[in-house]
N, C-alpha and C. Protein backbone atom coordinates (compact mmCIF):
# COMPACT_ATOMS: atom_id res chain seq x y z
N MET A 1 -39.80 92.46 236.20
CA MET A 1 -41.24 92.09 235.45
C MET A 1 -42.17 91.32 236.41
N LYS A 2 -43.32 91.44 236.61
CA LYS A 2 -44.10 90.56 237.31
C LYS A 2 -44.99 89.85 236.39
N ARG A 3 -45.02 88.50 236.37
CA ARG A 3 -45.73 87.62 235.51
C ARG A 3 -46.88 86.71 236.04
N THR A 4 -47.86 86.59 235.39
CA THR A 4 -48.97 85.94 235.76
C THR A 4 -48.70 84.39 235.63
N LEU A 5 -49.52 83.49 236.02
CA LEU A 5 -49.24 82.02 235.94
C LEU A 5 -49.26 81.65 234.38
N LEU A 6 -50.15 82.29 233.56
CA LEU A 6 -49.91 82.02 232.37
C LEU A 6 -50.02 83.19 231.45
N VAL A 7 -49.60 83.18 230.19
CA VAL A 7 -49.35 84.35 229.38
C VAL A 7 -50.80 84.91 229.04
N THR A 8 -50.75 86.21 228.94
CA THR A 8 -51.91 87.11 228.71
C THR A 8 -51.89 87.82 227.37
N SER A 9 -51.87 87.15 226.50
CA SER A 9 -51.80 87.78 224.94
C SER A 9 -53.27 87.09 224.01
N LEU A 10 -54.09 88.01 223.52
CA LEU A 10 -55.01 87.76 222.83
C LEU A 10 -55.98 86.33 223.31
N PHE A 11 -56.07 85.49 222.21
CA PHE A 11 -56.60 84.13 222.53
C PHE A 11 -56.20 83.46 223.82
N ILE A 12 -54.70 83.35 223.88
CA ILE A 12 -54.16 82.67 224.91
C ILE A 12 -54.51 83.24 226.28
N GLY A 13 -54.49 84.55 226.38
CA GLY A 13 -54.60 85.27 227.78
C GLY A 13 -56.11 84.91 228.07
N TRP A 14 -57.10 84.83 226.99
CA TRP A 14 -58.24 84.72 227.35
C TRP A 14 -58.69 83.45 228.11
N PHE A 15 -58.07 82.25 227.51
CA PHE A 15 -58.24 80.95 228.04
C PHE A 15 -57.70 80.56 229.17
N ALA A 16 -56.26 81.56 229.46
CA ALA A 16 -55.57 81.34 230.58
C ALA A 16 -56.47 81.21 231.96
N TYR A 17 -57.43 82.18 232.00
CA TYR A 17 -58.35 82.15 233.18
C TYR A 17 -58.80 80.85 233.55
N PHE A 18 -59.00 80.02 232.53
CA PHE A 18 -59.64 78.53 232.87
C PHE A 18 -58.43 77.82 233.42
N LEU A 19 -57.52 78.02 233.08
CA LEU A 19 -56.18 77.10 233.30
C LEU A 19 -55.53 77.48 234.56
N THR A 20 -55.86 78.52 235.10
CA THR A 20 -55.11 79.02 236.31
C THR A 20 -55.98 79.27 237.50
N THR A 21 -57.03 79.40 237.41
CA THR A 21 -58.15 79.53 238.39
C THR A 21 -58.29 78.22 239.13
N PRO A 22 -58.03 78.32 240.61
CA PRO A 22 -58.32 76.87 241.31
C PRO A 22 -59.59 76.45 241.11
N VAL A 23 -59.57 75.13 241.08
CA VAL A 23 -60.94 74.47 240.90
C VAL A 23 -61.63 74.39 242.31
N PRO A 24 -62.85 75.07 242.30
CA PRO A 24 -63.68 75.47 243.56
C PRO A 24 -64.28 73.77 243.89
N THR A 25 -64.55 73.71 245.12
CA THR A 25 -65.10 72.41 245.81
C THR A 25 -66.44 72.31 245.07
N GLY A 26 -66.61 71.09 244.80
CA GLY A 26 -67.77 70.69 244.01
C GLY A 26 -67.89 70.96 242.46
N PHE A 27 -66.86 71.69 241.94
CA PHE A 27 -66.67 72.04 240.37
C PHE A 27 -66.38 70.88 239.86
N GLU A 28 -67.22 70.28 238.82
CA GLU A 28 -67.06 69.01 238.19
C GLU A 28 -66.66 69.29 236.61
N ASN A 29 -65.95 70.15 236.27
CA ASN A 29 -65.52 70.29 234.87
C ASN A 29 -64.42 69.48 234.50
N PRO A 30 -64.59 68.32 233.80
CA PRO A 30 -63.54 67.22 233.84
C PRO A 30 -62.20 67.77 233.08
N TRP A 31 -62.42 68.74 232.11
CA TRP A 31 -61.19 69.08 231.46
C TRP A 31 -60.45 70.06 232.37
N LYS A 32 -61.05 70.87 233.13
CA LYS A 32 -60.24 71.60 234.06
C LYS A 32 -59.68 70.86 235.33
N ILE A 33 -60.28 69.84 235.65
CA ILE A 33 -59.67 68.93 236.78
C ILE A 33 -58.46 68.17 236.16
N ARG A 34 -58.66 67.79 235.03
CA ARG A 34 -57.39 66.88 234.23
C ARG A 34 -56.34 67.98 234.24
N ILE A 35 -56.65 69.08 233.79
CA ILE A 35 -55.34 70.08 233.61
C ILE A 35 -54.60 70.20 235.07
N PHE A 36 -55.37 70.45 235.98
CA PHE A 36 -54.77 70.72 237.34
C PHE A 36 -54.17 69.36 237.95
N GLU A 37 -54.44 68.46 237.46
CA GLU A 37 -53.79 67.21 237.78
C GLU A 37 -52.32 66.91 237.16
N GLY A 38 -51.85 67.75 236.34
CA GLY A 38 -50.40 67.69 235.96
C GLY A 38 -50.07 68.17 234.93
N LEU A 39 -50.93 68.64 233.79
CA LEU A 39 -50.75 69.11 232.53
C LEU A 39 -49.78 70.48 232.53
N PHE A 40 -50.41 71.24 233.57
CA PHE A 40 -49.77 72.60 233.83
C PHE A 40 -49.32 72.56 235.33
N ASP A 41 -48.44 71.75 235.61
CA ASP A 41 -47.75 71.97 236.92
C ASP A 41 -46.69 72.78 237.09
N TYR A 42 -46.95 74.12 237.39
CA TYR A 42 -46.00 74.98 237.54
C TYR A 42 -44.80 74.91 238.62
N ARG A 43 -45.11 73.96 239.41
CA ARG A 43 -43.83 73.75 240.37
C ARG A 43 -42.76 73.01 239.58
N ARG A 44 -43.02 72.60 238.23
CA ARG A 44 -41.90 71.93 237.61
C ARG A 44 -40.96 72.83 236.68
N LEU A 45 -41.49 74.16 236.81
CA LEU A 45 -40.61 75.27 236.22
C LEU A 45 -39.44 75.53 237.00
N PRO A 46 -38.36 76.00 236.34
CA PRO A 46 -37.15 76.51 237.12
C PRO A 46 -37.55 77.69 237.88
N GLN A 47 -36.87 77.38 239.26
CA GLN A 47 -37.24 78.34 240.28
C GLN A 47 -37.07 79.87 239.72
N ARG A 48 -36.08 80.26 238.83
CA ARG A 48 -35.87 81.62 238.50
C ARG A 48 -37.23 82.17 237.68
N PHE A 49 -37.82 80.96 237.06
CA PHE A 49 -39.05 81.59 236.34
C PHE A 49 -40.36 81.92 237.15
N ARG A 50 -40.16 81.17 238.51
CA ARG A 50 -41.41 81.39 239.47
C ARG A 50 -41.43 82.38 240.31
N GLN A 51 -40.27 82.95 240.61
CA GLN A 51 -39.84 83.80 241.56
C GLN A 51 -40.69 85.15 241.68
N ASP A 52 -40.98 85.41 240.23
CA ASP A 52 -41.82 86.88 240.31
C ASP A 52 -43.30 86.55 239.94
N TYR A 53 -43.87 85.43 240.06
CA TYR A 53 -45.43 85.21 239.84
C TYR A 53 -46.16 85.95 241.06
N VAL A 54 -47.21 86.58 240.22
CA VAL A 54 -48.24 87.04 241.11
C VAL A 54 -49.55 86.44 240.61
N GLU A 55 -50.44 86.29 241.52
CA GLU A 55 -51.74 85.78 241.26
C GLU A 55 -52.64 86.80 240.26
N PRO A 56 -52.95 86.27 239.16
CA PRO A 56 -53.66 87.22 238.31
C PRO A 56 -54.98 87.82 238.80
N THR A 57 -55.73 88.88 238.70
CA THR A 57 -56.93 89.16 238.72
C THR A 57 -57.68 89.05 237.57
N ARG A 58 -58.81 88.20 237.52
CA ARG A 58 -59.59 87.83 236.43
C ARG A 58 -61.10 88.02 236.84
N PRO A 59 -61.80 88.27 235.49
CA PRO A 59 -63.21 88.57 235.55
C PRO A 59 -63.83 87.29 235.89
N PRO A 60 -64.96 87.20 236.06
CA PRO A 60 -65.84 85.82 236.38
C PRO A 60 -65.91 85.12 234.96
N VAL A 61 -66.01 83.89 234.97
CA VAL A 61 -66.11 82.77 233.86
C VAL A 61 -67.26 82.91 233.09
N ASP A 62 -67.30 83.05 231.80
CA ASP A 62 -68.30 82.96 230.80
C ASP A 62 -68.42 81.46 230.52
N GLU A 63 -69.44 80.86 231.24
CA GLU A 63 -69.58 79.32 230.97
C GLU A 63 -69.72 78.94 229.45
N GLU A 64 -70.83 79.86 228.83
CA GLU A 64 -71.24 79.76 227.51
C GLU A 64 -69.93 79.69 226.63
N ILE A 65 -68.90 80.78 226.81
CA ILE A 65 -67.84 80.90 225.82
C ILE A 65 -66.71 79.67 226.34
N ALA A 66 -66.73 79.41 227.55
CA ALA A 66 -65.95 78.36 227.88
C ALA A 66 -66.38 76.84 227.06
N ARG A 67 -67.52 76.70 227.08
CA ARG A 67 -68.15 75.48 226.45
C ARG A 67 -67.94 75.43 225.16
N VAL A 68 -67.84 76.64 224.21
CA VAL A 68 -67.62 76.71 222.84
C VAL A 68 -66.18 76.55 222.61
N LEU A 69 -65.45 77.05 223.37
CA LEU A 69 -63.89 76.93 223.15
C LEU A 69 -63.24 75.66 223.63
N GLU A 70 -63.91 74.95 224.35
CA GLU A 70 -63.53 73.69 224.98
C GLU A 70 -62.78 72.68 223.97
N PRO A 71 -63.40 72.53 222.89
CA PRO A 71 -62.92 71.58 221.89
C PRO A 71 -61.71 72.04 221.17
N TYR A 72 -61.43 73.42 221.15
CA TYR A 72 -60.24 73.89 220.57
C TYR A 72 -59.10 74.08 221.63
N ILE A 73 -59.52 74.35 222.85
CA ILE A 73 -58.40 74.49 224.09
C ILE A 73 -57.74 73.11 224.27
N LEU A 74 -58.59 72.30 224.09
CA LEU A 74 -58.13 70.83 224.67
C LEU A 74 -57.64 69.95 223.45
N ASN A 75 -57.67 70.36 222.11
CA ASN A 75 -57.07 69.66 221.19
C ASN A 75 -55.53 69.52 220.95
N PRO A 76 -55.11 68.55 221.25
CA PRO A 76 -53.71 68.26 221.19
C PRO A 76 -53.09 68.51 219.94
N GLU A 77 -53.62 68.50 218.87
CA GLU A 77 -53.08 68.96 217.70
C GLU A 77 -53.06 70.43 217.60
N ILE A 78 -53.84 71.23 218.08
CA ILE A 78 -53.54 72.63 218.12
C ILE A 78 -52.77 73.04 219.46
N HIS A 79 -52.80 72.37 220.53
CA HIS A 79 -51.85 72.86 221.67
C HIS A 79 -51.38 71.28 222.01
N PRO A 80 -50.11 71.06 221.64
CA PRO A 80 -49.60 69.85 222.16
C PRO A 80 -49.53 69.58 223.58
N LEU A 81 -49.28 70.69 224.12
CA LEU A 81 -49.13 70.42 225.69
C LEU A 81 -50.50 69.89 226.36
N MET A 82 -51.43 69.99 225.81
CA MET A 82 -52.73 69.34 226.29
C MET A 82 -52.93 67.86 226.17
N SER A 83 -52.05 67.32 225.29
CA SER A 83 -52.20 65.77 224.99
C SER A 83 -51.55 65.17 226.42
N GLU A 84 -52.57 64.19 226.85
CA GLU A 84 -52.15 63.48 228.23
C GLU A 84 -50.99 62.52 227.86
N ASP A 85 -50.71 61.89 226.61
CA ASP A 85 -49.59 61.04 226.35
C ASP A 85 -48.92 61.43 225.07
N LEU A 86 -47.67 61.80 225.47
CA LEU A 86 -46.65 62.27 224.54
C LEU A 86 -45.61 61.42 223.98
N THR A 87 -45.75 60.04 224.34
CA THR A 87 -44.78 58.98 224.11
C THR A 87 -45.01 58.86 222.61
N GLY A 88 -43.96 58.23 221.88
CA GLY A 88 -43.96 58.02 220.58
C GLY A 88 -43.65 59.05 219.53
N LEU A 89 -43.74 60.42 220.20
CA LEU A 89 -43.30 61.51 219.35
C LEU A 89 -42.02 61.71 218.71
N PRO A 90 -41.84 62.31 217.61
CA PRO A 90 -40.32 62.49 217.09
C PRO A 90 -39.61 63.28 218.00
N GLU A 91 -38.47 63.24 217.54
CA GLU A 91 -37.36 64.08 218.36
C GLU A 91 -37.84 65.66 218.36
N ALA A 92 -37.64 66.50 219.18
CA ALA A 92 -38.22 67.62 219.23
C ALA A 92 -37.22 68.77 219.70
N ILE A 93 -37.31 70.02 219.20
CA ILE A 93 -36.54 71.10 219.73
C ILE A 93 -37.68 71.93 220.14
N VAL A 94 -37.45 72.55 221.57
CA VAL A 94 -38.56 73.61 221.88
C VAL A 94 -37.65 74.83 222.31
N VAL A 95 -37.80 76.06 221.64
CA VAL A 95 -37.22 77.22 221.62
C VAL A 95 -38.11 78.21 222.47
N THR A 96 -37.62 78.60 223.72
CA THR A 96 -38.11 79.72 224.48
C THR A 96 -37.37 80.67 224.63
N GLY A 97 -37.71 81.91 225.25
CA GLY A 97 -36.87 83.05 225.55
C GLY A 97 -37.58 83.75 226.77
N ASP A 98 -36.76 84.41 227.55
CA ASP A 98 -37.23 85.08 228.88
C ASP A 98 -38.42 85.94 228.61
N HIS A 99 -38.48 86.62 227.46
CA HIS A 99 -39.60 87.43 227.13
C HIS A 99 -40.67 86.80 226.28
N ASP A 100 -40.61 85.61 226.06
CA ASP A 100 -41.39 85.02 225.07
C ASP A 100 -43.08 84.60 225.83
N VAL A 101 -44.04 85.02 225.16
CA VAL A 101 -45.27 84.98 225.93
C VAL A 101 -45.44 83.45 226.12
N LEU A 102 -44.84 82.52 225.61
CA LEU A 102 -45.21 81.15 225.76
C LEU A 102 -43.95 80.58 226.46
N ARG A 103 -43.06 81.21 227.20
CA ARG A 103 -41.94 80.66 227.94
C ARG A 103 -42.38 79.55 228.69
N ASP A 104 -43.52 79.64 229.70
CA ASP A 104 -43.41 78.82 230.75
C ASP A 104 -44.14 77.27 229.94
N GLU A 105 -45.09 77.83 229.15
CA GLU A 105 -45.67 76.58 228.43
C GLU A 105 -44.59 75.63 227.58
N GLY A 106 -43.79 76.52 226.74
CA GLY A 106 -42.78 75.42 226.15
C GLY A 106 -41.92 74.80 227.10
N THR A 107 -41.55 75.51 228.03
CA THR A 107 -40.76 74.89 229.14
C THR A 107 -41.30 73.69 229.55
N LEU A 108 -42.57 73.74 229.93
CA LEU A 108 -43.43 72.64 230.57
C LEU A 108 -43.46 71.47 229.52
N TYR A 109 -43.60 71.94 228.32
CA TYR A 109 -43.95 70.93 227.10
C TYR A 109 -42.70 70.10 227.02
N ALA A 110 -41.32 70.87 227.26
CA ALA A 110 -39.79 70.28 226.90
C ALA A 110 -39.57 69.12 228.07
N VAL A 111 -40.21 69.70 229.48
CA VAL A 111 -40.12 68.65 230.49
C VAL A 111 -40.97 67.47 230.32
N ARG A 112 -42.30 67.62 229.90
CA ARG A 112 -43.23 66.55 229.55
C ARG A 112 -42.64 65.77 228.57
N LEU A 113 -42.17 66.14 227.50
CA LEU A 113 -41.51 65.36 226.34
C LEU A 113 -40.35 64.32 226.92
N LYS A 114 -39.68 65.08 227.61
CA LYS A 114 -38.69 64.27 228.29
C LYS A 114 -38.84 63.24 229.23
N ASP A 115 -39.92 63.43 230.07
CA ASP A 115 -40.47 62.59 230.89
C ASP A 115 -41.31 61.51 230.28
N ALA A 116 -41.70 61.64 229.01
CA ALA A 116 -42.35 60.63 227.98
C ALA A 116 -41.35 59.81 227.31
N GLY A 117 -40.06 60.35 227.55
CA GLY A 117 -38.94 59.53 226.65
C GLY A 117 -38.75 59.94 225.42
N VAL A 118 -39.16 61.08 224.96
CA VAL A 118 -39.05 61.71 223.86
C VAL A 118 -37.54 62.36 223.81
N ALA A 119 -36.81 62.23 222.87
CA ALA A 119 -35.58 63.13 222.48
C ALA A 119 -35.74 64.57 222.33
N VAL A 120 -35.59 65.31 223.39
CA VAL A 120 -35.85 66.80 223.24
C VAL A 120 -34.75 67.66 223.46
N GLN A 121 -34.76 68.63 222.92
CA GLN A 121 -33.60 69.63 223.24
C GLN A 121 -34.43 70.99 223.49
N HIS A 122 -34.13 71.65 224.80
CA HIS A 122 -35.04 72.82 224.96
C HIS A 122 -33.76 73.75 224.97
N TRP A 123 -33.96 74.70 223.98
CA TRP A 123 -33.21 75.91 223.80
C TRP A 123 -33.80 77.09 224.34
N HIS A 124 -33.21 77.59 225.39
CA HIS A 124 -33.84 78.77 225.95
C HIS A 124 -32.58 80.04 226.02
N TYR A 125 -33.42 81.13 225.24
CA TYR A 125 -32.58 82.20 224.96
C TYR A 125 -32.94 83.31 226.16
N GLU A 126 -31.95 83.74 226.80
CA GLU A 126 -32.06 84.68 227.77
C GLU A 126 -32.77 85.82 227.39
N HIS A 127 -32.30 86.54 226.26
CA HIS A 127 -33.00 87.68 225.81
C HIS A 127 -34.02 87.54 224.47
N GLY A 128 -34.58 86.41 224.46
CA GLY A 128 -35.36 86.00 223.37
C GLY A 128 -36.97 86.38 223.68
N PHE A 129 -37.51 86.40 222.68
CA PHE A 129 -38.92 86.83 222.72
C PHE A 129 -39.82 86.03 221.76
N HIS A 130 -41.09 85.97 221.88
CA HIS A 130 -41.86 85.16 220.92
C HIS A 130 -41.74 85.59 219.26
N GLY A 131 -41.28 84.62 218.51
CA GLY A 131 -41.15 85.17 217.09
C GLY A 131 -39.82 85.45 216.69
N MET A 132 -39.06 85.36 217.73
CA MET A 132 -37.60 86.01 217.51
C MET A 132 -36.63 85.51 216.15
N ILE A 133 -37.25 84.29 215.80
CA ILE A 133 -36.39 83.63 214.53
C ILE A 133 -36.72 84.22 213.17
N ILE A 134 -37.84 85.23 213.32
CA ILE A 134 -38.33 85.84 212.07
C ILE A 134 -37.50 87.28 212.08
N PHE A 135 -36.80 87.64 212.87
CA PHE A 135 -36.29 89.08 212.90
C PHE A 135 -34.75 88.77 212.85
N THR A 136 -34.58 88.43 211.41
CA THR A 136 -33.19 88.12 211.13
C THR A 136 -32.72 89.15 210.01
N GLU A 137 -33.53 89.88 209.40
CA GLU A 137 -33.19 90.90 208.35
C GLU A 137 -33.27 92.23 208.60
N GLU A 138 -32.48 93.03 208.08
CA GLU A 138 -32.50 94.55 208.51
C GLU A 138 -33.91 95.05 207.81
N PRO A 139 -34.49 95.96 208.47
CA PRO A 139 -34.14 96.68 209.46
C PRO A 139 -34.34 96.17 210.76
N PHE A 140 -34.93 94.91 210.90
CA PHE A 140 -35.43 94.28 212.06
C PHE A 140 -34.74 93.18 212.56
N ARG A 141 -33.36 93.44 212.42
CA ARG A 141 -32.56 92.36 212.92
C ARG A 141 -32.23 92.34 214.28
N PHE A 142 -32.21 91.28 214.89
CA PHE A 142 -32.06 91.24 216.41
C PHE A 142 -31.04 90.10 216.50
N ALA A 143 -30.06 90.23 217.30
CA ALA A 143 -28.96 89.22 217.80
C ALA A 143 -29.59 87.87 218.23
N THR A 144 -30.55 87.89 218.80
CA THR A 144 -31.08 86.83 219.43
C THR A 144 -31.75 85.69 218.31
N GLY A 145 -32.56 86.60 217.47
CA GLY A 145 -33.02 85.78 216.10
C GLY A 145 -32.00 85.35 215.41
N MET A 146 -31.23 85.88 215.19
CA MET A 146 -29.70 85.55 214.63
C MET A 146 -29.16 84.13 215.09
N ASN A 147 -29.11 84.30 216.53
CA ASN A 147 -28.53 83.01 217.14
C ASN A 147 -29.37 81.91 217.07
N VAL A 148 -30.79 82.06 217.01
CA VAL A 148 -31.70 80.87 216.93
C VAL A 148 -31.67 80.20 215.67
N LEU A 149 -31.73 81.18 214.65
CA LEU A 149 -31.22 80.90 213.23
C LEU A 149 -29.98 80.04 212.99
N LYS A 150 -29.07 80.49 213.45
CA LYS A 150 -27.51 79.76 213.27
C LYS A 150 -27.71 78.42 214.29
N ASP A 151 -28.19 78.57 215.44
CA ASP A 151 -28.49 77.15 216.07
C ASP A 151 -29.37 76.19 215.25
N MET A 152 -30.29 76.72 214.71
CA MET A 152 -31.43 75.70 213.97
C MET A 152 -30.67 75.21 212.85
N SER A 153 -29.96 76.15 212.18
CA SER A 153 -29.08 75.81 210.88
C SER A 153 -28.05 74.67 211.11
N LYS A 154 -27.43 75.03 212.21
CA LYS A 154 -26.52 73.74 212.76
C LYS A 154 -27.17 72.70 213.21
N PHE A 155 -28.14 72.53 213.79
CA PHE A 155 -28.77 71.39 214.05
C PHE A 155 -29.38 70.61 212.85
N MET A 156 -29.87 71.35 211.90
CA MET A 156 -30.47 70.61 210.79
C MET A 156 -29.13 70.06 209.81
N ARG A 157 -28.11 70.68 209.86
CA ARG A 157 -26.90 70.28 208.94
C ARG A 157 -26.41 68.94 209.68
N GLU A 158 -26.36 68.89 211.05
CA GLU A 158 -25.94 67.57 211.59
C GLU A 158 -26.92 66.48 211.69
N LYS A 159 -28.13 66.88 211.54
CA LYS A 159 -29.30 65.79 211.46
C LYS A 159 -29.11 65.25 209.99
N THR A 160 -29.02 66.15 208.87
CA THR A 160 -28.88 65.49 207.60
C THR A 160 -27.77 64.69 207.35
N ARG A 161 -26.60 65.20 208.06
CA ARG A 161 -25.35 64.31 208.00
C ARG A 161 -25.61 62.91 208.49
N THR A 162 -26.25 62.75 209.70
CA THR A 162 -26.34 61.61 210.26
C THR A 162 -27.30 60.62 209.66
N ALA A 163 -28.44 61.22 208.93
CA ALA A 163 -29.37 60.59 208.34
C ALA A 163 -28.95 60.06 206.83
N ALA A 164 -27.98 60.69 206.11
CA ALA A 164 -27.42 60.29 205.05
C ALA A 164 -26.72 58.90 205.17
């Protein structure tokens, strides 16, 4: 399966254009330049994630829509990966799967948390998909969802034992 540099689903797919298009010479949009200076450094992804990437074909940018969405796209409370400083955050678990539309962003978030000194566990499920943890009851039970739920339960039991 060929993948683009960012996911292409609904809202996320729309603003992916602004995060993956190279910055043209003389283009002075500061949020876009900031993103390209390291927040989305896809070279930090595991090689097996990058081997099937292809450059996406995208329509022209609608600058008015970009201006309206900018405060939401760059809000670290909505999109934690957009925060420049991740130090001081609490311990985190980042769960991704090979078929998760946010696999790459989740992986980059885990890498950046670790770089910021935050205790982080990145659980990657080979057959996982976005929202897999909710598929634990019949008729929509998936083994991967059950595995995530089991791992989360084990983690929470261990944490509550050590906190007591």
